[in-house]
């Protein structure tokens, strides 16, 4: 199994002006992110609007990203589903097409118990031999996966990573001590990347990497690889207003695609019920992202 670390762009899913998945734009954006130096890609996450896609579209998007990446960087496919059986199906498909791992949120409509979370991930892990990244986001998954539950899950050989999105920096310390560093932590909160790296996170499932991949890589390389916290802080301060905005504004995927459209990489469309950005929102995004590279 490949060791996963660094900047993993949680990628947008481009649509054309008739609402169809734009596979040519997926190829363009995938190649651009890789050329900009990111360490991995994560299609079909929340930013990828997985819940707006049909079964066949999900499969086709995952396949297109894996094929376009062509082994240049690892691809971890989002395999979240309401039922365990469907998550298993998505994970098995990811393994079949050559993905390097899957990221999974707990069942997200009904609130799961901790025992149900364990049963969910255990069944998925038993169905594939590729790495599994737990996605702990109490806002999206309606349940906070406790450190004790993560300890139990980390005993499963291919449950090796966690995207930590509780908005609590202390959780990184709790996970490291509870598991004796037995699970690799990825930052899952845009406005906590610097802090997470200093506390021991080895990667970042990164939204802003869609539009400023080089800066995200610089932050990681400075904070984690070279240990130059002053250089990392300098990059982080430039990114932070944008990170805070996207963490709270509720328009993340649309904002990412708007900026990418300004770069000529994809069109800015999403599917209903998400409406186009207003002119005021576009002006705010332009102001925030003007100096990002």
C-alpha atoms as a PDB file:
ATOM      1  CA  UNK A   1       0.000   0.000   0.000  1.00  0.00           C
ATOM      2  CA  UNK A   2       1.180   3.524  -0.785  1.00  0.00           C
ATOM      3  CA  UNK A   3       1.714   5.853   2.136  1.00  0.00           C
ATOM      4  CA  UNK A   4      -0.628   8.819   1.785  1.00  0.00           C
ATOM      5  CA  UNK A   5       0.526  12.236   2.939  1.00  0.00           C
ATOM      6  CA  UNK A   6       0.553  15.853   1.859  1.00  0.00           C
ATOM      7  CA  UNK A   7      -1.981  17.945  -0.033  1.00  0.00           C
ATOM      8  CA  UNK A   8      -4.974  15.981  -1.331  1.00  0.00           C
ATOM      9  CA  UNK A   9      -7.255  18.240  -3.330  1.00  0.00           C
ATOM     10  CA  UNK A  10     -10.899  17.385  -2.642  1.00  0.00           C
ATOM     11  CA  UNK A  11     -11.841  18.040  -6.226  1.00  0.00           C
ATOM     12  CA  UNK A  12     -14.820  19.811  -7.751  1.00  0.00           C
ATOM     13  CA  UNK A  13     -17.019  18.030 -10.284  1.00  0.00           C
ATOM     14  CA  UNK A  14     -17.363  20.285 -13.347  1.00  0.00           C
ATOM     15  CA  UNK A  15     -20.681  20.516 -15.194  1.00  0.00           C
ATOM     16  CA  UNK A  16     -21.324  21.958 -18.631  1.00  0.00           C
ATOM     17  CA  UNK A  17     -23.959  24.579 -19.401  1.00  0.00           C
ATOM     18  CA  UNK A  18     -26.606  21.868 -19.809  1.00  0.00           C
ATOM     19  CA  UNK A  19     -25.856  20.334 -16.418  1.00  0.00           C
ATOM     20  CA  UNK A  20     -23.961  17.307 -17.676  1.00  0.00           C
ATOM     21  CA  UNK A  21     -20.717  16.139 -16.096  1.00  0.00           C
ATOM     22  CA  UNK A  22     -17.914  17.749 -18.099  1.00  0.00           C
ATOM     23  CA  UNK A  23     -15.306  15.018 -18.479  1.00  0.00           C
ATOM     24  CA  UNK A  24     -13.007  17.158 -20.612  1.00  0.00           C
ATOM     25  CA  UNK A  25     -12.886  19.682 -17.776  1.00  0.00           C
ATOM     26  CA  UNK A  26     -12.147  16.879 -15.304  1.00  0.00           C
ATOM     27  CA  UNK A  27      -9.145  15.963 -17.434  1.00  0.00           C
ATOM     28  CA  UNK A  28      -7.970  19.593 -17.630  1.00  0.00           C
ATOM     29  CA  UNK A  29      -8.302  20.265 -13.922  1.00  0.00           C
ATOM     30  CA  UNK A  30      -6.746  16.941 -12.935  1.00  0.00           C
ATOM     31  CA  UNK A  31      -3.692  17.587 -15.097  1.00  0.00           C
ATOM     32  CA  UNK A  32      -3.397  21.165 -13.792  1.00  0.00           C
ATOM     33  CA  UNK A  33      -3.507  20.126 -10.132  1.00  0.00           C
ATOM     34  CA  UNK A  34      -0.861  17.467 -10.726  1.00  0.00           C
ATOM     35  CA  UNK A  35       1.330  19.893 -12.673  1.00  0.00           C
ATOM     36  CA  UNK A  36       1.020  22.354  -9.759  1.00  0.00           C
ATOM     37  CA  UNK A  37       2.569  19.759  -7.455  1.00  0.00           C
ATOM     38  CA  UNK A  38      -0.237  18.376  -5.287  1.00  0.00           C
ATOM     39  CA  UNK A  39       0.422  15.057  -3.591  1.00  0.00           C
ATOM     40  CA  UNK A  40      -2.949  13.430  -4.300  1.00  0.00           C
ATOM     41  CA  UNK A  41      -6.528  13.872  -5.454  1.00  0.00           C
ATOM     42  CA  UNK A  42      -9.825  13.093  -3.770  1.00  0.00           C
ATOM     43  CA  UNK A  43     -12.843  13.099  -6.103  1.00  0.00           C
ATOM     44  CA  UNK A  44     -16.424  12.593  -4.930  1.00  0.00           C
ATOM     45  CA  UNK A  45     -16.082  14.338  -1.613  1.00  0.00           C
ATOM     46  CA  UNK A  46     -18.492  17.009  -0.414  1.00  0.00           C
ATOM     47  CA  UNK A  47     -16.771  19.616  -2.592  1.00  0.00           C
ATOM     48  CA  UNK A  48     -17.263  17.220  -5.503  1.00  0.00           C
ATOM     49  CA  UNK A  49     -21.052  17.317  -4.977  1.00  0.00           C
ATOM     50  CA  UNK A  50     -21.270  13.524  -4.817  1.00  0.00           C
ATOM     51  CA  UNK A  51     -24.883  13.669  -3.622  1.00  0.00           C
ATOM     52  CA  UNK A  52     -25.858  15.483  -6.840  1.00  0.00           C
ATOM     53  CA  UNK A  53     -24.573  12.682  -9.058  1.00  0.00           C
ATOM     54  CA  UNK A  54     -26.273   9.560 -10.348  1.00  0.00           C
ATOM     55  CA  UNK A  55     -24.833   6.103  -9.724  1.00  0.00           C
ATOM     56  CA  UNK A  56     -23.321   5.925 -13.195  1.00  0.00           C
ATOM     57  CA  UNK A  57     -21.949   9.468 -12.969  1.00  0.00           C
ATOM     58  CA  UNK A  58     -20.194   8.695  -9.695  1.00  0.00           C
ATOM     59  CA  UNK A  59     -18.555   5.661 -11.263  1.00  0.00           C
ATOM     60  CA  UNK A  60     -17.562   7.568 -14.389  1.00  0.00           C
ATOM     61  CA  UNK A  61     -16.113  10.521 -12.466  1.00  0.00           C
ATOM     62  CA  UNK A  62     -13.990   8.225 -10.288  1.00  0.00           C
ATOM     63  CA  UNK A  63     -12.764   6.301 -13.325  1.00  0.00           C
ATOM     64  CA  UNK A  64     -11.913   9.472 -15.248  1.00  0.00           C
ATOM     65  CA  UNK A  65      -9.816  10.921 -12.420  1.00  0.00           C
ATOM     66  CA  UNK A  66      -7.947   7.643 -11.866  1.00  0.00           C
ATOM     67  CA  UNK A  67      -7.290   7.238 -15.580  1.00  0.00           C
ATOM     68  CA  UNK A  68      -6.156  10.846 -16.007  1.00  0.00           C
ATOM     69  CA  UNK A  69      -3.877  10.739 -12.960  1.00  0.00           C
ATOM     70  CA  UNK A  70      -2.372   7.556 -14.424  1.00  0.00           C
ATOM     71  CA  UNK A  71      -0.338   6.795 -11.311  1.00  0.00           C
ATOM     72  CA  UNK A  72       1.349  10.205 -11.154  1.00  0.00           C
ATOM     73  CA  UNK A  73      -0.282  10.882  -7.785  1.00  0.00           C
ATOM     74  CA  UNK A  74      -2.505   8.708  -5.585  1.00  0.00           C
ATOM     75  CA  UNK A  75      -6.275   9.019  -5.976  1.00  0.00           C
ATOM     76  CA  UNK A  76      -8.549   8.448  -2.970  1.00  0.00           C
ATOM     77  CA  UNK A  77     -12.191   8.149  -4.022  1.00  0.00           C
ATOM     78  CA  UNK A  78     -15.092   9.314  -1.886  1.00  0.00           C
ATOM     79  CA  UNK A  79     -17.259   6.287  -1.098  1.00  0.00           C
ATOM     80  CA  UNK A  80     -19.808   7.786   1.262  1.00  0.00           C
ATOM     81  CA  UNK A  81     -23.337   6.361   1.186  1.00  0.00           C
ATOM     82  CA  UNK A  82     -26.326   6.168   3.478  1.00  0.00           C
ATOM     83  CA  UNK A  83     -26.259   2.371   3.635  1.00  0.00           C
ATOM     84  CA  UNK A  84     -23.287   0.157   4.327  1.00  0.00           C
ATOM     85  CA  UNK A  85     -24.118  -2.028   1.335  1.00  0.00           C
ATOM     86  CA  UNK A  86     -23.923   0.928  -1.031  1.00  0.00           C
ATOM     87  CA  UNK A  87     -20.678   2.184   0.539  1.00  0.00           C
ATOM     88  CA  UNK A  88     -19.222  -1.284   0.051  1.00  0.00           C
ATOM     89  CA  UNK A  89     -20.290  -1.146  -3.596  1.00  0.00           C
ATOM     90  CA  UNK A  90     -18.581   2.214  -4.087  1.00  0.00           C
ATOM     91  CA  UNK A  91     -15.423   1.017  -2.328  1.00  0.00           C
ATOM     92  CA  UNK A  92     -15.274  -2.128  -4.429  1.00  0.00           C
ATOM     93  CA  UNK A  93     -15.635  -0.082  -7.602  1.00  0.00           C
ATOM     94  CA  UNK A  94     -12.812   2.219  -6.474  1.00  0.00           C
ATOM     95  CA  UNK A  95     -10.565  -0.767  -5.903  1.00  0.00           C
ATOM     96  CA  UNK A  96     -11.489  -2.258  -9.281  1.00  0.00           C
ATOM     97  CA  UNK A  97     -10.522   0.891 -11.207  1.00  0.00           C
ATOM     98  CA  UNK A  98      -7.175   1.213  -9.439  1.00  0.00           C
ATOM     99  CA  UNK A  99      -7.851   3.882  -6.825  1.00  0.00           C
ATOM    100  CA  UNK A 100      -5.320   4.123  -4.013  1.00  0.00           C
ATOM    101  CA  UNK A 101      -7.897   4.374  -1.240  1.00  0.00           C
ATOM    102  CA  UNK A 102     -11.389   5.479  -0.290  1.00  0.00           C
ATOM    103  CA  UNK A 103     -12.692   8.129   2.091  1.00  0.00           C
ATOM    104  CA  UNK A 104     -15.938   7.369   3.894  1.00  0.00           C
ATOM    105  CA  UNK A 105     -18.295   9.414   6.062  1.00  0.00           C
ATOM    106  CA  UNK A 106     -20.602   7.521   8.430  1.00  0.00           C
ATOM    107  CA  UNK A 107     -24.195   7.049   7.345  1.00  0.00           C
ATOM    108  CA  UNK A 108     -25.219  10.700   7.107  1.00  0.00           C
ATOM    109  CA  UNK A 109     -29.031  10.874   7.295  1.00  0.00           C
ATOM    110  CA  UNK A 110     -29.751   8.883  10.434  1.00  0.00           C
ATOM    111  CA  UNK A 111     -27.435   9.469  13.370  1.00  0.00           C
ATOM    112  CA  UNK A 112     -25.307   6.383  13.939  1.00  0.00           C
ATOM    113  CA  UNK A 113     -24.186   5.063  17.309  1.00  0.00           C
ATOM    114  CA  UNK A 114     -20.487   4.411  17.852  1.00  0.00           C
ATOM    115  CA  UNK A 115     -21.103   0.671  17.501  1.00  0.00           C
ATOM    116  CA  UNK A 116     -22.871   1.300  14.190  1.00  0.00           C
ATOM    117  CA  UNK A 117     -19.944   3.404  12.986  1.00  0.00           C
ATOM    118  CA  UNK A 118     -17.593   0.523  13.778  1.00  0.00           C
ATOM    119  CA  UNK A 119     -19.834  -1.985  12.008  1.00  0.00           C
ATOM    120  CA  UNK A 120     -20.075   0.303   8.955  1.00  0.00           C
ATOM    121  CA  UNK A 121     -16.337   0.742   8.539  1.00  0.00           C
ATOM    122  CA  UNK A 122     -15.547  -2.871   9.380  1.00  0.00           C
ATOM    123  CA  UNK A 123     -17.805  -4.122   6.597  1.00  0.00           C
ATOM    124  CA  UNK A 124     -16.230  -1.721   4.098  1.00  0.00           C
ATOM    125  CA  UNK A 125     -12.708  -2.663   5.191  1.00  0.00           C
ATOM    126  CA  UNK A 126     -13.478  -6.347   4.783  1.00  0.00           C
ATOM    127  CA  UNK A 127     -14.700  -5.781   1.232  1.00  0.00           C
ATOM    128  CA  UNK A 128     -11.500  -4.213  -0.153  1.00  0.00           C
ATOM    129  CA  UNK A 129      -7.769  -4.312   0.463  1.00  0.00           C
ATOM    130  CA  UNK A 130      -7.038  -0.653  -0.313  1.00  0.00           C
ATOM    131  CA  UNK A 131      -6.597   1.920   2.471  1.00  0.00           C
ATOM    132  CA  UNK A 132      -9.637   3.521   4.072  1.00  0.00           C
ATOM    133  CA  UNK A 133      -9.744   7.092   5.323  1.00  0.00           C
ATOM    134  CA  UNK A 134     -12.338   7.760   8.021  1.00  0.00           C
ATOM    135  CA  UNK A 135     -14.109  11.057   7.472  1.00  0.00           C
ATOM    136  CA  UNK A 136     -15.068  12.469  10.852  1.00  0.00           C
ATOM    137  CA  UNK A 137     -17.289  15.497  10.325  1.00  0.00           C
ATOM    138  CA  UNK A 138     -20.023  15.786  12.960  1.00  0.00           C
ATOM    139  CA  UNK A 139     -21.799  18.489  10.927  1.00  0.00           C
ATOM    140  CA  UNK A 140     -22.146  16.294   7.837  1.00  0.00           C
ATOM    141  CA  UNK A 141     -22.256  12.855   9.426  1.00  0.00           C
ATOM    142  CA  UNK A 142     -24.406  13.805  12.446  1.00  0.00           C
ATOM    143  CA  UNK A 143     -22.080  11.843  14.717  1.00  0.00           C
ATOM    144  CA  UNK A 144     -18.695  12.612  16.239  1.00  0.00           C
ATOM    145  CA  UNK A 145     -16.489   9.535  15.910  1.00  0.00           C
ATOM    146  CA  UNK A 146     -14.859   9.430  19.323  1.00  0.00           C
ATOM    147  CA  UNK A 147     -11.154   8.734  19.888  1.00  0.00           C
ATOM    148  CA  UNK A 148     -12.145   5.434  21.512  1.00  0.00           C
ATOM    149  CA  UNK A 149     -13.990   4.423  18.350  1.00  0.00           C
ATOM    150  CA  UNK A 150     -11.026   5.469  16.224  1.00  0.00           C
ATOM    151  CA  UNK A 151      -8.820   3.216  18.380  1.00  0.00           C
ATOM    152  CA  UNK A 152     -11.122   0.287  17.594  1.00  0.00           C
ATOM    153  CA  UNK A 153     -11.159   1.133  13.889  1.00  0.00           C
ATOM    154  CA  UNK A 154      -7.405   1.596  13.687  1.00  0.00           C
ATOM    155  CA  UNK A 155      -6.990  -2.046  14.709  1.00  0.00           C
ATOM    156  CA  UNK A 156      -8.412  -2.979  11.294  1.00  0.00           C
ATOM    157  CA  UNK A 157      -5.347  -3.304   9.036  1.00  0.00           C
ATOM    158  CA  UNK A 158      -6.489  -1.135   6.126  1.00  0.00           C
ATOM    159  CA  UNK A 159      -8.206   1.593   8.188  1.00  0.00           C
ATOM    160  CA  UNK A 160      -5.114   3.772   8.178  1.00  0.00           C
ATOM    161  CA  UNK A 161      -6.179   7.407   7.836  1.00  0.00           C
ATOM    162  CA  UNK A 162      -8.650   9.893   9.252  1.00  0.00           C
ATOM    163  CA  UNK A 163      -9.831  13.228   7.906  1.00  0.00           C
ATOM    164  CA  UNK A 164     -10.447  15.141  11.129  1.00  0.00           C
ATOM    165  CA  UNK A 165     -13.100  17.856  10.795  1.00  0.00           C
ATOM    166  CA  UNK A 166     -14.382  18.521  14.305  1.00  0.00           C
ATOM    167  CA  UNK A 167     -13.077  22.111  14.451  1.00  0.00           C
ATOM    168  CA  UNK A 168     -11.276  21.135  17.666  1.00  0.00           C
ATOM    169  CA  UNK A 169      -7.483  21.239  17.441  1.00  0.00           C
ATOM    170  CA  UNK A 170      -7.239  19.238  20.669  1.00  0.00           C
ATOM    171  CA  UNK A 171      -8.695  16.253  18.816  1.00  0.00           C
ATOM    172  CA  UNK A 172      -5.461  15.791  16.884  1.00  0.00           C
ATOM    173  CA  UNK A 173      -3.583  15.345  20.152  1.00  0.00           C
ATOM    174  CA  UNK A 174      -6.285  13.049  21.513  1.00  0.00           C
ATOM    175  CA  UNK A 175      -6.147  10.835  18.435  1.00  0.00           C
ATOM    176  CA  UNK A 176      -2.379  10.621  18.444  1.00  0.00           C
ATOM    177  CA  UNK A 177      -2.194   9.678  22.106  1.00  0.00           C
ATOM    178  CA  UNK A 178      -5.190   7.319  22.059  1.00  0.00           C
ATOM    179  CA  UNK A 179      -3.920   5.368  19.042  1.00  0.00           C
ATOM    180  CA  UNK A 180      -0.225   5.721  19.858  1.00  0.00           C
ATOM    181  CA  UNK A 181       0.150   7.328  16.425  1.00  0.00           C
ATOM    182  CA  UNK A 182      -1.553   4.290  14.969  1.00  0.00           C
ATOM    183  CA  UNK A 183      -3.572   6.283  12.427  1.00  0.00           C
ATOM    184  CA  UNK A 184      -2.400   9.032  10.072  1.00  0.00           C
ATOM    185  CA  UNK A 185      -4.285  12.289  10.547  1.00  0.00           C
ATOM    186  CA  UNK A 186      -5.335  14.561   7.689  1.00  0.00           C
ATOM    187  CA  UNK A 187      -6.590  18.054   8.442  1.00  0.00           C
ATOM    188  CA  UNK A 188     -10.220  18.460   7.405  1.00  0.00           C
ATOM    189  CA  UNK A 189     -10.798  22.083   8.443  1.00  0.00           C
ATOM    190  CA  UNK A 190      -9.522  24.701   6.037  1.00  0.00           C
ATOM    191  CA  UNK A 191      -8.891  27.320   8.724  1.00  0.00           C
ATOM    192  CA  UNK A 192      -6.911  24.918  10.944  1.00  0.00           C
ATOM    193  CA  UNK A 193      -4.304  23.606   8.491  1.00  0.00           C
ATOM    194  CA  UNK A 194      -1.256  25.302  10.024  1.00  0.00           C
ATOM    195  CA  UNK A 195      -2.256  24.331  13.557  1.00  0.00           C
ATOM    196  CA  UNK A 196      -3.011  20.770  12.488  1.00  0.00           C
ATOM    197  CA  UNK A 197       0.399  20.355  10.875  1.00  0.00           C
ATOM    198  CA  UNK A 198       2.132  21.643  13.999  1.00  0.00           C
ATOM    199  CA  UNK A 199       0.139  19.167  16.104  1.00  0.00           C
ATOM    200  CA  UNK A 200       1.181  16.225  13.933  1.00  0.00           C
ATOM    201  CA  UNK A 201      -1.196  15.960  10.972  1.00  0.00           C
ATOM    202  CA  UNK A 202       0.578  14.466   7.960  1.00  0.00           C
ATOM    203  CA  UNK A 203      -1.833  15.666   5.291  1.00  0.00           C
ATOM    204  CA  UNK A 204      -4.641  18.018   4.373  1.00  0.00           C
ATOM    205  CA  UNK A 205      -7.820  17.128   2.484  1.00  0.00           C
ATOM    206  CA  UNK A 206      -7.741  20.524   0.938  1.00  0.00           C
ATOM    207  CA  UNK A 207     -10.528  22.615  -0.595  1.00  0.00           C
ATOM    208  CA  UNK A 208      -8.426  25.674  -1.419  1.00  0.00           C
ATOM    209  CA  UNK A 209      -6.063  23.379  -3.303  1.00  0.00           C
ATOM    210  CA  UNK A 210      -8.619  23.505  -6.102  1.00  0.00           C
ATOM    211  CA  UNK A 211      -7.664  27.107  -6.851  1.00  0.00           C
ATOM    212  CA  UNK A 212      -4.309  27.665  -5.100  1.00  0.00           C
ATOM    213  CA  UNK A 213      -2.626  24.259  -5.149  1.00  0.00           C
ATOM    214  CA  UNK A 214       0.902  25.628  -5.172  1.00  0.00           C
ATOM    215  CA  UNK A 215       0.357  27.691  -2.024  1.00  0.00           C
ATOM    216  CA  UNK A 216      -1.214  24.719  -0.228  1.00  0.00           C
ATOM    217  CA  UNK A 217       1.805  22.596  -1.148  1.00  0.00           C
ATOM    218  CA  UNK A 218       4.153  25.347   0.060  1.00  0.00           C
ATOM    219  CA  UNK A 219       2.371  25.411   3.417  1.00  0.00           C
ATOM    220  CA  UNK A 220       2.693  21.647   3.818  1.00  0.00           C
ATOM    221  CA  UNK A 221       6.290  21.464   2.645  1.00  0.00           C
ATOM    222  CA  UNK A 222       7.350  24.263   4.999  1.00  0.00           C
ATOM    223  CA  UNK A 223       5.413  23.064   8.055  1.00  0.00           C
ATOM    224  CA  UNK A 224       5.838  19.304   7.773  1.00  0.00           C
ATOM    225  CA  UNK A 225       8.763  18.474   5.493  1.00  0.00           C
ATOM    226  CA  UNK A 226      11.309  21.187   6.307  1.00  0.00           C
ATOM    227  CA  UNK A 227       9.949  22.283   9.693  1.00  0.00           C
ATOM    228  CA  UNK A 228      10.216  25.941   8.723  1.00  0.00           C
ATOM    229  CA  UNK A 229       7.282  27.241  10.716  1.00  0.00           C
ATOM    230  CA  UNK A 230       8.060  30.879   9.933  1.00  0.00           C
ATOM    231  CA  UNK A 231       7.787  30.228   6.188  1.00  0.00           C
ATOM    232  CA  UNK A 232       4.654  28.147   6.752  1.00  0.00           C
ATOM    233  CA  UNK A 233       3.098  30.940   8.808  1.00  0.00           C
ATOM    234  CA  UNK A 234       3.819  33.452   6.061  1.00  0.00           C
ATOM    235  CA  UNK A 235       1.928  31.343   3.510  1.00  0.00           C
ATOM    236  CA  UNK A 236      -0.863  30.598   5.973  1.00  0.00           C
ATOM    237  CA  UNK A 237      -1.484  34.280   6.710  1.00  0.00           C
ATOM    238  CA  UNK A 238      -1.967  34.923   3.000  1.00  0.00           C
ATOM    239  CA  UNK A 239      -4.391  32.026   2.701  1.00  0.00           C
ATOM    240  CA  UNK A 240      -6.275  32.475   5.959  1.00  0.00           C
ATOM    241  CA  UNK A 241      -8.951  35.005   4.943  1.00  0.00           C
ATOM    242  CA  UNK A 242      -9.902  32.762   2.024  1.00  0.00           C
ATOM    243  CA  UNK A 243      -9.816  29.633   4.188  1.00  0.00           C
ATOM    244  CA  UNK A 244     -12.076  31.203   6.803  1.00  0.00           C
ATOM    245  CA  UNK A 245     -14.518  32.374   4.155  1.00  0.00           C
ATOM    246  CA  UNK A 246     -14.833  29.007   2.452  1.00  0.00           C
ATOM    247  CA  UNK A 247     -15.149  27.215   5.790  1.00  0.00           C
ATOM    248  CA  UNK A 248     -18.253  29.229   6.680  1.00  0.00           C
ATOM    249  CA  UNK A 249     -19.846  30.733   3.562  1.00  0.00           C
ATOM    250  CA  UNK A 250     -21.750  27.625   2.408  1.00  0.00           C
ATOM    251  CA  UNK A 251     -20.890  28.110  -1.265  1.00  0.00           C
ATOM    252  CA  UNK A 252     -17.654  26.152  -1.431  1.00  0.00           C
ATOM    253  CA  UNK A 253     -18.036  24.095  -4.599  1.00  0.00           C
ATOM    254  CA  UNK A 254     -19.598  26.978  -6.524  1.00  0.00           C
ATOM    255  CA  UNK A 255     -16.857  29.363  -5.420  1.00  0.00           C
ATOM    256  CA  UNK A 256     -14.135  26.917  -6.424  1.00  0.00           C
ATOM    257  CA  UNK A 257     -15.652  26.393  -9.852  1.00  0.00           C
ATOM    258  CA  UNK A 258     -16.139  30.115 -10.327  1.00  0.00           C
ATOM    259  CA  UNK A 259     -12.433  30.765  -9.735  1.00  0.00           C
ATOM    260  CA  UNK A 260     -11.458  27.811 -11.926  1.00  0.00           C
ATOM    261  CA  UNK A 261     -13.714  29.161 -14.659  1.00  0.00           C
ATOM    262  CA  UNK A 262     -11.830  32.461 -14.494  1.00  0.00           C
ATOM    263  CA  UNK A 263      -8.668  30.424 -15.112  1.00  0.00           C
ATOM    264  CA  UNK A 264     -10.303  28.754 -18.128  1.00  0.00           C
ATOM    265  CA  UNK A 265     -10.262  25.288 -16.570  1.00  0.00           C
ATOM    266  CA  UNK A 266     -13.970  24.542 -16.182  1.00  0.00           C
ATOM    267  CA  UNK A 267     -17.392  26.171 -16.209  1.00  0.00           C
ATOM    268  CA  UNK A 268     -18.906  27.530 -12.976  1.00  0.00           C
ATOM    269  CA  UNK A 269     -22.161  25.549 -12.981  1.00  0.00           C
ATOM    270  CA  UNK A 270     -23.736  23.443 -10.251  1.00  0.00           C
ATOM    271  CA  UNK A 271     -27.056  21.605 -10.178  1.00  0.00           C
ATOM    272  CA  UNK A 272     -30.271  22.727  -8.557  1.00  0.00           C
ATOM    273  CA  UNK A 273     -31.109  23.432  -5.822  1.00  0.00           C
ATOM    274  CA  UNK A 274     -27.754  25.253  -5.750  1.00  0.00           C
ATOM    275  CA  UNK A 275     -28.217  28.577  -7.522  1.00  0.00           C
ATOM    276  CA  UNK A 276     -25.583  30.576  -9.423  1.00  0.00           C
ATOM    277  CA  UNK A 277     -23.451  32.944  -7.389  1.00  0.00           C
ATOM    278  CA  UNK A 278     -24.647  36.509  -7.140  1.00  0.00           C
ATOM    279  CA  UNK A 279     -22.569  39.383  -8.479  1.00  0.00           C
ATOM    280  CA  UNK A 280     -21.872  40.430  -4.880  1.00  0.00           C
ATOM    281  CA  UNK A 281     -20.590  36.955  -4.025  1.00  0.00           C
ATOM    282  CA  UNK A 282     -18.369  36.953  -7.102  1.00  0.00           C
ATOM    283  CA  UNK A 283     -16.886  40.315  -6.132  1.00  0.00           C
ATOM    284  CA  UNK A 284     -16.145  39.048  -2.632  1.00  0.00           C
ATOM    285  CA  UNK A 285     -14.490  35.918  -3.997  1.00  0.00           C
ATOM    286  CA  UNK A 286     -12.470  37.975  -6.478  1.00  0.00           C
ATOM    287  CA  UNK A 287     -11.217  40.185  -3.662  1.00  0.00           C
ATOM    288  CA  UNK A 288     -10.283  37.248  -1.433  1.00  0.00           C
ATOM    289  CA  UNK A 289      -8.505  35.218  -4.094  1.00  0.00           C
ATOM    290  CA  UNK A 290      -6.813  37.987  -6.094  1.00  0.00           C
ATOM    291  CA  UNK A 291      -3.338  37.339  -4.689  1.00  0.00           C
ATOM    292  CA  UNK A 292      -3.518  33.540  -4.468  1.00  0.00           C
ATOM    293  CA  UNK A 293      -1.246  31.620  -6.828  1.00  0.00           C
END
